[in-house]
Amino acid sequence: MKLLRYGNRGEEKPGLLDAGGVIRDLSPLIDDITPKWLSRERLAWLSALDPAALPAIEGQPRLGVPVSGARQFIGIGLNYRRHAIEAGLDIPKEPVVFNKAITCLNGPCDDVVIPPDSSETDWEVELGVVMGTEARRVSENDALNYVAGYAIVNDVSERFWQFKRNGQWVKGKSFDTFGPVGPWLVTANEIGDPQHLELKLAVNGEVRQHSNTADMIFSVATLIAHLSQFMTLLPGDIIATGTPSGVGLGMKPPKYLKRGDAMTLTVDGLGTQTQRVV
């Protein structure tokens, strides 16, 4: 099942994508796709609906972040072997964890705004995990049972603020619009094993990143188990699980985004998102 939210920013309505690629309106049945709708029982109720019985939405409306009311946006750094190598850093012995501000969340095809005076804004295609159940000190073997689904995340990063403003990554990761998520939330049952998904990002049609989640140092299950040892993961929380090699920082010389660029991101089974840089 592919859940989404469509409409103008701040006025999004809940919907789902049917097998024919048509958006179906869920608003006659639910107010919004909020954390409470991500439990296994409520997702089962939604999946039992007949999409053909729901109103079809004409055209191509704007899509918002597929879950409303996320309370935590957690990032994982250096989680692909080749990305750590291109950054000239040691392979981490345990996950590198940082936060992205909730206020940076952005629709999957909304514009990405370069901060004033920035010359080091970078791209990062990532597999996003959306939690469905509260997770506290869970085991790795059980961790995926707490996942509602997956979505594409672009972990847009301003490298000067990330590395040269006292080494606090959250500064470079949290500018407004730096967290596109979507186009939809694909429920976990449709994805199965998240460690065999191809990721790709292109800038102006030129492929910059192309990898597979099999290159992750720490698997999705390992990340959830690790995080849940020192923090409670809540329904609706978004975890950006790391980016593969091919970021602008790793190019020689480094190459960053400029106004007018277009980023296109794809992940197996999760659709495509495209942002214009302004």
C-alpha atoms as a PDB file:
ATOM      1  CA  MET A   1       0.000   0.000   0.000  1.00  0.00           C
ATOM      2  CA  LYS A   2       1.216   3.474  -0.901  1.00  0.00           C
ATOM      3  CA  LEU A   3      -0.030   6.220   1.403  1.00  0.00           C
ATOM      4  CA  LEU A   4       0.361   9.894   0.559  1.00  0.00           C
ATOM      5  CA  ARG A   5      -0.818  13.386   1.369  1.00  0.00           C
ATOM      6  CA  TYR A   6      -1.802  15.785  -1.408  1.00  0.00           C
ATOM      7  CA  GLY A   7      -2.761  19.438  -1.700  1.00  0.00           C
ATOM      8  CA  ASN A   8      -1.382  22.850  -0.888  1.00  0.00           C
ATOM      9  CA  ARG A   9       1.187  23.145   1.894  1.00  0.00           C
ATOM     10  CA  GLY A  10      -0.588  23.088   5.241  1.00  0.00           C
ATOM     11  CA  GLU A  11      -3.845  21.934   3.648  1.00  0.00           C
ATOM     12  CA  GLU A  12      -2.868  18.391   2.624  1.00  0.00           C
ATOM     13  CA  LYS A  13      -5.472  15.648   2.525  1.00  0.00           C
ATOM     14  CA  PRO A  14      -4.842  11.920   3.035  1.00  0.00           C
ATOM     15  CA  GLY A  15      -4.785   9.612   0.062  1.00  0.00           C
ATOM     16  CA  LEU A  16      -3.456   6.403  -1.385  1.00  0.00           C
ATOM     17  CA  LEU A  17      -2.084   5.407  -4.753  1.00  0.00           C
ATOM     18  CA  ASP A  18      -4.018   2.624  -6.445  1.00  0.00           C
ATOM     19  CA  ALA A  19      -2.538  -0.105  -8.647  1.00  0.00           C
ATOM     20  CA  GLY A  20      -3.154   2.012 -11.739  1.00  0.00           C
ATOM     21  CA  GLY A  21      -1.235   4.992 -10.384  1.00  0.00           C
ATOM     22  CA  VAL A  22      -4.370   7.010  -9.574  1.00  0.00           C
ATOM     23  CA  ILE A  23      -4.542   8.979  -6.336  1.00  0.00           C
ATOM     24  CA  ARG A  24      -7.568   8.024  -4.267  1.00  0.00           C
ATOM     25  CA  ASP A  25      -8.970  10.347  -1.614  1.00  0.00           C
ATOM     26  CA  LEU A  26      -9.032   8.986   1.943  1.00  0.00           C
ATOM     27  CA  SER A  27     -10.437  12.154   3.527  1.00  0.00           C
ATOM     28  CA  PRO A  28     -14.034  10.838   3.680  1.00  0.00           C
ATOM     29  CA  LEU A  29     -12.715   8.156   6.063  1.00  0.00           C
ATOM     30  CA  ILE A  30      -9.808   9.686   7.986  1.00  0.00           C
ATOM     31  CA  ASP A  31      -8.708  13.228   8.804  1.00  0.00           C
ATOM     32  CA  ASP A  32      -5.036  12.781   7.941  1.00  0.00           C
ATOM     33  CA  ILE A  33      -2.214  10.241   7.852  1.00  0.00           C
ATOM     34  CA  THR A  34      -0.911  10.771  11.356  1.00  0.00           C
ATOM     35  CA  PRO A  35       1.225   8.566  13.633  1.00  0.00           C
ATOM     36  CA  LYS A  36      -1.882   6.912  15.076  1.00  0.00           C
ATOM     37  CA  TRP A  37      -2.694   5.490  11.625  1.00  0.00           C
ATOM     38  CA  LEU A  38       0.665   3.729  11.351  1.00  0.00           C
ATOM     39  CA  SER A  39      -0.026   0.902  13.768  1.00  0.00           C
ATOM     40  CA  ARG A  40      -0.208  -2.574  12.299  1.00  0.00           C
ATOM     41  CA  GLU A  41      -3.939  -2.825  13.034  1.00  0.00           C
ATOM     42  CA  ARG A  42      -4.863   0.488  11.417  1.00  0.00           C
ATOM     43  CA  LEU A  43      -2.661  -0.129   8.386  1.00  0.00           C
ATOM     44  CA  ALA A  44      -4.418  -3.482   7.976  1.00  0.00           C
ATOM     45  CA  TRP A  45      -7.775  -1.681   8.069  1.00  0.00           C
ATOM     46  CA  LEU A  46      -6.641   0.774   5.393  1.00  0.00           C
ATOM     47  CA  SER A  47      -5.205  -1.973   3.196  1.00  0.00           C
ATOM     48  CA  ALA A  48      -8.544  -3.811   3.276  1.00  0.00           C
ATOM     49  CA  LEU A  49     -10.310  -0.857   1.625  1.00  0.00           C
ATOM     50  CA  ASP A  50     -11.331  -1.105  -2.012  1.00  0.00           C
ATOM     51  CA  PRO A  51      -9.472   1.763  -3.743  1.00  0.00           C
ATOM     52  CA  ALA A  52     -12.033   1.799  -6.536  1.00  0.00           C
ATOM     53  CA  ALA A  53     -14.674   2.813  -3.986  1.00  0.00           C
ATOM     54  CA  LEU A  54     -12.716   5.942  -3.063  1.00  0.00           C
ATOM     55  CA  PRO A  55     -12.932   9.217  -5.013  1.00  0.00           C
ATOM     56  CA  ALA A  56     -10.288   9.571  -7.716  1.00  0.00           C
ATOM     57  CA  ILE A  57      -8.209  12.750  -7.781  1.00  0.00           C
ATOM     58  CA  GLU A  58      -7.753  14.269 -11.206  1.00  0.00           C
ATOM     59  CA  GLY A  59      -4.495  15.696 -12.482  1.00  0.00           C
ATOM     60  CA  GLN A  60      -1.200  15.805 -10.634  1.00  0.00           C
ATOM     61  CA  PRO A  61      -1.653  17.618  -7.341  1.00  0.00           C
ATOM     62  CA  ARG A  62       1.253  18.699  -5.162  1.00  0.00           C
ATOM     63  CA  LEU A  63       2.362  15.974  -2.756  1.00  0.00           C
ATOM     64  CA  GLY A  64       3.332  16.702   0.834  1.00  0.00           C
ATOM     65  CA  VAL A  65       5.357  14.704   3.342  1.00  0.00           C
ATOM     66  CA  PRO A  66       3.429  11.394   3.456  1.00  0.00           C
ATOM     67  CA  VAL A  67       3.035  11.435   7.259  1.00  0.00           C
ATOM     68  CA  SER A  68       1.777  14.382   9.271  1.00  0.00           C
ATOM     69  CA  GLY A  69       2.916  14.971  12.832  1.00  0.00           C
ATOM     70  CA  ALA A  70       6.338  13.311  12.831  1.00  0.00           C
ATOM     71  CA  ARG A  71       8.032  14.192  16.106  1.00  0.00           C
ATOM     72  CA  GLN A  72      11.621  13.148  15.399  1.00  0.00           C
ATOM     73  CA  PHE A  73      13.721  13.265  12.230  1.00  0.00           C
ATOM     74  CA  ILE A  74      16.887  11.245  12.817  1.00  0.00           C
ATOM     75  CA  GLY A  75      19.846  10.976  10.467  1.00  0.00           C
ATOM     76  CA  ILE A  76      22.628   8.417  10.189  1.00  0.00           C
ATOM     77  CA  GLY A  77      26.019   9.494   8.880  1.00  0.00           C
ATOM     78  CA  LEU A  78      28.697   7.534   7.003  1.00  0.00           C
ATOM     79  CA  ASN A  79      26.587   4.394   6.750  1.00  0.00           C
ATOM     80  CA  TYR A  80      27.783   3.261   3.306  1.00  0.00           C
ATOM     81  CA  ARG A  81      31.264   1.827   3.004  1.00  0.00           C
ATOM     82  CA  ARG A  82      32.211   3.620  -0.195  1.00  0.00           C
ATOM     83  CA  HIS A  83      30.815   6.919   1.111  1.00  0.00           C
ATOM     84  CA  ALA A  84      33.012   6.728   4.215  1.00  0.00           C
ATOM     85  CA  ILE A  85      35.993   6.022   1.952  1.00  0.00           C
ATOM     86  CA  GLU A  86      35.257   8.990  -0.358  1.00  0.00           C
ATOM     87  CA  ALA A  87      34.961  11.231   2.727  1.00  0.00           C
ATOM     88  CA  GLY A  88      38.415  10.058   3.847  1.00  0.00           C
ATOM     89  CA  LEU A  89      37.045   8.819   7.171  1.00  0.00           C
ATOM     90  CA  ASP A  90      37.342   5.542   9.047  1.00  0.00           C
ATOM     91  CA  ILE A  91      34.527   3.000   8.818  1.00  0.00           C
ATOM     92  CA  PRO A  92      32.388   3.731  11.913  1.00  0.00           C
ATOM     93  CA  LYS A  93      32.398   1.123  14.663  1.00  0.00           C
ATOM     94  CA  GLU A  94      28.847   2.098  15.616  1.00  0.00           C
ATOM     95  CA  PRO A  95      26.240   4.298  13.931  1.00  0.00           C
ATOM     96  CA  VAL A  96      26.908   8.032  13.598  1.00  0.00           C
ATOM     97  CA  VAL A  97      23.681   9.699  14.749  1.00  0.00           C
ATOM     98  CA  PHE A  98      22.446  13.263  14.253  1.00  0.00           C
ATOM     99  CA  ASN A  99      19.125  15.098  14.123  1.00  0.00           C
ATOM    100  CA  LYS A 100      17.449  17.042  11.364  1.00  0.00           C
ATOM    101  CA  ALA A 101      14.984  19.666  12.573  1.00  0.00           C
ATOM    102  CA  ILE A 102      11.325  18.822  11.985  1.00  0.00           C
ATOM    103  CA  THR A 103      10.979  22.248  10.383  1.00  0.00           C
ATOM    104  CA  CYS A 104      13.160  21.155   7.444  1.00  0.00           C
ATOM    105  CA  LEU A 105      10.577  18.593   6.278  1.00  0.00           C
ATOM    106  CA  ASN A 106       9.557  19.263   2.697  1.00  0.00           C
ATOM    107  CA  GLY A 107       7.297  17.779   0.063  1.00  0.00           C
ATOM    108  CA  PRO A 108       9.015  15.370  -2.331  1.00  0.00           C
ATOM    109  CA  CYS A 109       8.847  17.734  -5.302  1.00  0.00           C
ATOM    110  CA  ASP A 110       8.895  21.098  -3.511  1.00  0.00           C
ATOM    111  CA  ASP A 111      11.704  23.539  -4.198  1.00  0.00           C
ATOM    112  CA  VAL A 112      14.911  23.276  -2.151  1.00  0.00           C
ATOM    113  CA  VAL A 113      16.062  26.708  -1.037  1.00  0.00           C
ATOM    114  CA  ILE A 114      19.820  27.364  -0.862  1.00  0.00           C
ATOM    115  CA  PRO A 115      20.595  29.340   2.316  1.00  0.00           C
ATOM    116  CA  PRO A 116      21.854  32.922   1.924  1.00  0.00           C
ATOM    117  CA  ASP A 117      25.553  33.059   0.957  1.00  0.00           C
ATOM    118  CA  SER A 118      25.800  29.245   0.762  1.00  0.00           C
ATOM    119  CA  SER A 119      28.201  27.751  -1.776  1.00  0.00           C
ATOM    120  CA  GLU A 120      28.365  24.212  -0.327  1.00  0.00           C
ATOM    121  CA  THR A 121      24.815  22.837  -0.460  1.00  0.00           C
ATOM    122  CA  ASP A 122      24.934  19.113  -1.230  1.00  0.00           C
ATOM    123  CA  TRP A 123      22.614  16.243  -2.181  1.00  0.00           C
ATOM    124  CA  GLU A 124      22.126  12.874  -0.419  1.00  0.00           C
ATOM    125  CA  VAL A 125      19.688  10.197  -1.570  1.00  0.00           C
ATOM    126  CA  GLU A 126      18.660   7.950   1.320  1.00  0.00           C
ATOM    127  CA  LEU A 127      16.284   5.184   2.310  1.00  0.00           C
ATOM    128  CA  GLY A 128      13.883   6.657   4.851  1.00  0.00           C
ATOM    129  CA  VAL A 129      12.294   4.482   7.538  1.00  0.00           C
ATOM    130  CA  VAL A 130       8.994   5.517   9.137  1.00  0.00           C
ATOM    131  CA  MET A 131       8.244   3.975  12.500  1.00  0.00           C
ATOM    132  CA  GLY A 132       4.814   2.497  13.116  1.00  0.00           C
ATOM    133  CA  THR A 133       5.075   1.388  16.737  1.00  0.00           C
ATOM    134  CA  GLU A 134       6.831   2.819  19.785  1.00  0.00           C
ATOM    135  CA  ALA A 135      10.221   1.148  20.081  1.00  0.00           C
ATOM    136  CA  ARG A 136      12.232   1.069  23.288  1.00  0.00           C
ATOM    137  CA  ARG A 137      15.241  -1.248  23.742  1.00  0.00           C
ATOM    138  CA  VAL A 138      14.166  -3.624  20.975  1.00  0.00           C
ATOM    139  CA  SER A 139      16.291  -6.452  19.633  1.00  0.00           C
ATOM    140  CA  GLU A 140      17.765  -6.489  16.151  1.00  0.00           C
ATOM    141  CA  ASN A 141      15.801  -9.644  15.337  1.00  0.00           C
ATOM    142  CA  ASP A 142      12.525  -7.914  16.189  1.00  0.00           C
ATOM    143  CA  ALA A 143      13.326  -4.396  14.976  1.00  0.00           C
ATOM    144  CA  LEU A 144      11.661  -4.489  11.545  1.00  0.00           C
ATOM    145  CA  ASN A 145       8.334  -5.385  13.167  1.00  0.00           C
ATOM    146  CA  TYR A 146       8.214  -1.784  14.445  1.00  0.00           C
ATOM    147  CA  VAL A 147       8.421  -0.259  10.950  1.00  0.00           C
ATOM    148  CA  ALA A 148       5.313   1.119   9.249  1.00  0.00           C
ATOM    149  CA  GLY A 149       7.004   1.639   5.907  1.00  0.00           C
ATOM    150  CA  TYR A 150       9.652   3.299   3.799  1.00  0.00           C
ATOM    151  CA  ALA A 151      10.056   6.465   1.738  1.00  0.00           C
ATOM    152  CA  ILE A 152      12.746   8.311  -0.184  1.00  0.00           C
ATOM    153  CA  VAL A 153      14.586  11.026   1.759  1.00  0.00           C
ATOM    154  CA  ASN A 154      16.890  13.666   0.318  1.00  0.00           C
ATOM    155  CA  ASP A 155      19.152  14.587   3.242  1.00  0.00           C
ATOM    156  CA  VAL A 156      20.119  17.966   1.806  1.00  0.00           C
ATOM    157  CA  SER A 157      23.228  19.242   3.596  1.00  0.00           C
ATOM    158  CA  GLU A 158      25.067  22.569   3.787  1.00  0.00           C
ATOM    159  CA  ARG A 159      28.661  21.421   4.256  1.00  0.00           C
ATOM    160  CA  PHE A 160      30.154  24.675   5.577  1.00  0.00           C
ATOM    161  CA  TRP A 161      27.609  24.776   8.402  1.00  0.00           C
ATOM    162  CA  GLN A 162      27.944  21.023   8.928  1.00  0.00           C
ATOM    163  CA  PHE A 163      31.725  20.874   9.317  1.00  0.00           C
ATOM    164  CA  LYS A 164      33.042  24.392   9.892  1.00  0.00           C
ATOM    165  CA  ARG A 165      30.584  25.772  12.417  1.00  0.00           C
ATOM    166  CA  ASN A 166      31.912  23.914  15.474  1.00  0.00           C
ATOM    167  CA  GLY A 167      31.306  20.435  14.093  1.00  0.00           C
ATOM    168  CA  GLN A 168      27.615  20.146  14.884  1.00  0.00           C
ATOM    169  CA  TRP A 169      26.024  18.334  11.955  1.00  0.00           C
ATOM    170  CA  VAL A 170      22.485  19.380  12.862  1.00  0.00           C
ATOM    171  CA  LYS A 171      23.371  22.937  11.789  1.00  0.00           C
ATOM    172  CA  GLY A 172      24.105  21.912   8.222  1.00  0.00           C
ATOM    173  CA  LYS A 173      21.198  19.489   8.009  1.00  0.00           C
ATOM    174  CA  SER A 174      18.258  21.545   9.279  1.00  0.00           C
ATOM    175  CA  PHE A 175      17.721  24.535   7.005  1.00  0.00           C
ATOM    176  CA  ASP A 176      14.138  24.961   5.841  1.00  0.00           C
ATOM    177  CA  THR A 177      13.330  22.659   2.856  1.00  0.00           C
ATOM    178  CA  PHE A 178      16.366  20.394   3.558  1.00  0.00           C
ATOM    179  CA  GLY A 179      14.237  17.298   4.205  1.00  0.00           C
ATOM    180  CA  PRO A 180      12.172  16.222   1.172  1.00  0.00           C
ATOM    181  CA  VAL A 181      10.310  12.973   1.966  1.00  0.00           C
ATOM    182  CA  GLY A 182       8.088  10.946  -0.355  1.00  0.00           C
ATOM    183  CA  PRO A 183       6.411  10.794  -2.816  1.00  0.00           C
ATOM    184  CA  TRP A 184       4.574   8.258  -0.693  1.00  0.00           C
ATOM    185  CA  LEU A 185       4.983   5.944   2.256  1.00  0.00           C
ATOM    186  CA  VAL A 186       5.219   2.354   1.016  1.00  0.00           C
ATOM    187  CA  THR A 187       4.153  -0.065   3.724  1.00  0.00           C
ATOM    188  CA  ALA A 188       6.756  -2.511   4.961  1.00  0.00           C
ATOM    189  CA  ASN A 189       4.937  -5.579   3.649  1.00  0.00           C
ATOM    190  CA  GLU A 190       5.466  -4.348   0.053  1.00  0.00           C
ATOM    191  CA  ILE A 191       9.217  -3.912   0.492  1.00  0.00           C
ATOM    192  CA  GLY A 192      10.198  -7.013   2.440  1.00  0.00           C
ATOM    193  CA  ASP A 193      13.968  -6.952   2.961  1.00  0.00           C
ATOM    194  CA  PRO A 194      15.147  -3.307   2.936  1.00  0.00           C
ATOM    195  CA  GLN A 195      18.782  -4.349   2.386  1.00  0.00           C
ATOM    196  CA  HIS A 196      18.446  -5.005  -1.342  1.00  0.00           C
ATOM    197  CA  LEU A 197      17.146  -1.702  -2.733  1.00  0.00           C
ATOM    198  CA  GLU A 198      18.815   0.272  -5.500  1.00  0.00           C
ATOM    199  CA  LEU A 199      19.242   4.020  -4.919  1.00  0.00           C
ATOM    200  CA  LYS A 200      19.986   6.651  -7.542  1.00  0.00           C
ATOM    201  CA  LEU A 201      20.299  10.446  -7.624  1.00  0.00           C
ATOM    202  CA  ALA A 202      20.862  12.614 -10.665  1.00  0.00           C
ATOM    203  CA  VAL A 203      21.580  16.348 -10.923  1.00  0.00           C
ATOM    204  CA  ASN A 204      20.363  17.896 -14.176  1.00  0.00           C
ATOM    205  CA  GLY A 205      20.068  14.386 -15.602  1.00  0.00           C
ATOM    206  CA  GLU A 206      23.641  13.378 -14.726  1.00  0.00           C
ATOM    207  CA  VAL A 207      23.784  10.425 -12.317  1.00  0.00           C
ATOM    208  CA  ARG A 208      25.815  11.338  -9.254  1.00  0.00           C
ATOM    209  CA  GLN A 209      24.848   8.535  -6.849  1.00  0.00           C
ATOM    210  CA  HIS A 210      24.039   4.939  -7.758  1.00  0.00           C
ATOM    211  CA  SER A 211      24.273   2.217  -5.151  1.00  0.00           C
ATOM    212  CA  ASN A 212      22.356  -0.407  -3.219  1.00  0.00           C
ATOM    213  CA  THR A 213      21.346  -0.633   0.431  1.00  0.00           C
ATOM    214  CA  ALA A 214      23.398  -3.840   0.548  1.00  0.00           C
ATOM    215  CA  ASP A 215      26.418  -1.511   0.904  1.00  0.00           C
ATOM    216  CA  MET A 216      25.142  -0.238   4.263  1.00  0.00           C
ATOM    217  CA  ILE A 217      27.538  -0.703   7.160  1.00  0.00           C
ATOM    218  CA  PHE A 218      24.641  -0.949   9.633  1.00  0.00           C
ATOM    219  CA  SER A 219      21.384  -2.480   8.421  1.00  0.00           C
ATOM    220  CA  VAL A 220      17.972  -0.931   9.036  1.00  0.00           C
ATOM    221  CA  ALA A 221      17.304  -3.490  11.779  1.00  0.00           C
ATOM    222  CA  THR A 222      20.653  -2.722  13.420  1.00  0.00           C
ATOM    223  CA  LEU A 223      19.960   1.015  13.315  1.00  0.00           C
ATOM    224  CA  ILE A 224      16.524   0.695  14.918  1.00  0.00           C
ATOM    225  CA  ALA A 225      17.834  -1.609  17.636  1.00  0.00           C
ATOM    226  CA  HIS A 226      20.769   0.721  18.311  1.00  0.00           C
ATOM    227  CA  LEU A 227      18.712   3.916  18.451  1.00  0.00           C
ATOM    228  CA  SER A 228      16.103   2.335  20.696  1.00  0.00           C
ATOM    229  CA  GLN A 229      18.724   1.569  23.346  1.00  0.00           C
ATOM    230  CA  PHE A 230      19.142   5.257  24.236  1.00  0.00           C
ATOM    231  CA  MET A 231      15.973   6.930  22.932  1.00  0.00           C
ATOM    232  CA  THR A 232      12.343   5.985  22.460  1.00  0.00           C
ATOM    233  CA  LEU A 233      11.351   5.848  18.803  1.00  0.00           C
ATOM    234  CA  LEU A 234       7.787   7.052  18.302  1.00  0.00           C
ATOM    235  CA  PRO A 235       5.200   6.237  15.637  1.00  0.00           C
ATOM    236  CA  GLY A 236       5.736   8.573  12.700  1.00  0.00           C
ATOM    237  CA  ASP A 237       9.427   9.152  13.447  1.00  0.00           C
ATOM    238  CA  ILE A 238      11.556   9.300  10.295  1.00  0.00           C
ATOM    239  CA  ILE A 239      15.030   7.767  10.146  1.00  0.00           C
ATOM    240  CA  ALA A 240      17.255   8.716   7.202  1.00  0.00           C
ATOM    241  CA  THR A 241      19.555   5.697   7.031  1.00  0.00           C
ATOM    242  CA  GLY A 242      22.619   7.200   5.333  1.00  0.00           C
ATOM    243  CA  THR A 243      23.728   8.053   1.827  1.00  0.00           C
ATOM    244  CA  PRO A 244      25.955   6.183  -0.633  1.00  0.00           C
ATOM    245  CA  SER A 245      29.041   7.540  -2.371  1.00  0.00           C
ATOM    246  CA  GLY A 246      28.736  10.226  -5.020  1.00  0.00           C
ATOM    247  CA  VAL A 247      27.939  13.324  -2.970  1.00  0.00           C
ATOM    248  CA  GLY A 248      29.316  16.670  -4.080  1.00  0.00           C
ATOM    249  CA  LEU A 249      31.659  16.820  -1.094  1.00  0.00           C
ATOM    250  CA  GLY A 250      33.427  13.686  -2.299  1.00  0.00           C
ATOM    251  CA  MET A 251      34.099  14.917  -5.834  1.00  0.00           C
ATOM    252  CA  LYS A 252      37.560  16.187  -6.753  1.00  0.00           C
ATOM    253  CA  PRO A 253      37.259  19.108  -6.672  1.00  0.00           C
ATOM    254  CA  PRO A 254      34.006  19.261  -4.656  1.00  0.00           C
ATOM    255  CA  LYS A 255      30.954  20.223  -6.683  1.00  0.00           C
ATOM    256  CA  TYR A 256      27.827  21.632  -5.074  1.00  0.00           C
ATOM    257  CA  LEU A 257      24.298  22.626  -5.977  1.00  0.00           C
ATOM    258  CA  LYS A 258      23.537  25.949  -7.604  1.00  0.00           C
ATOM    259  CA  ARG A 259      20.327  27.785  -8.271  1.00  0.00           C
ATOM    260  CA  GLY A 260      18.456  26.316 -11.209  1.00  0.00           C
ATOM    261  CA  ASP A 261      19.698  22.759 -10.688  1.00  0.00           C
ATOM    262  CA  ALA A 262      17.218  19.879 -10.585  1.00  0.00           C
ATOM    263  CA  MET A 263      17.683  16.787  -8.414  1.00  0.00           C
ATOM    264  CA  THR A 264      15.916  13.516  -9.265  1.00  0.00           C
ATOM    265  CA  LEU A 265      15.937  10.677  -6.727  1.00  0.00           C
ATOM    266  CA  THR A 266      14.715   7.099  -7.101  1.00  0.00           C
ATOM    267  CA  VAL A 267      14.716   4.066  -4.808  1.00  0.00           C
ATOM    268  CA  ASP A 268      13.448   0.624  -5.808  1.00  0.00           C
ATOM    269  CA  GLY A 269       9.743   0.326  -5.069  1.00  0.00           C
ATOM    270  CA  LEU A 270       9.496   3.781  -3.514  1.00  0.00           C
ATOM    271  CA  GLY A 271       8.940   5.974  -6.552  1.00  0.00           C
ATOM    272  CA  THR A 272      10.680   9.155  -7.647  1.00  0.00           C
ATOM    273  CA  GLN A 273      11.059  12.654  -6.258  1.00  0.00           C
ATOM    274  CA  THR A 274      12.375  15.750  -8.043  1.00  0.00           C
ATOM    275  CA  GLN A 275      13.338  19.098  -6.554  1.00  0.00           C
ATOM    276  CA  ARG A 276      14.299  22.370  -8.189  1.00  0.00           C
ATOM    277  CA  VAL A 277      17.047  24.348  -6.432  1.00  0.00           C
ATOM    278  CA  VAL A 278      16.181  28.012  -5.876  1.00  0.00           C
END
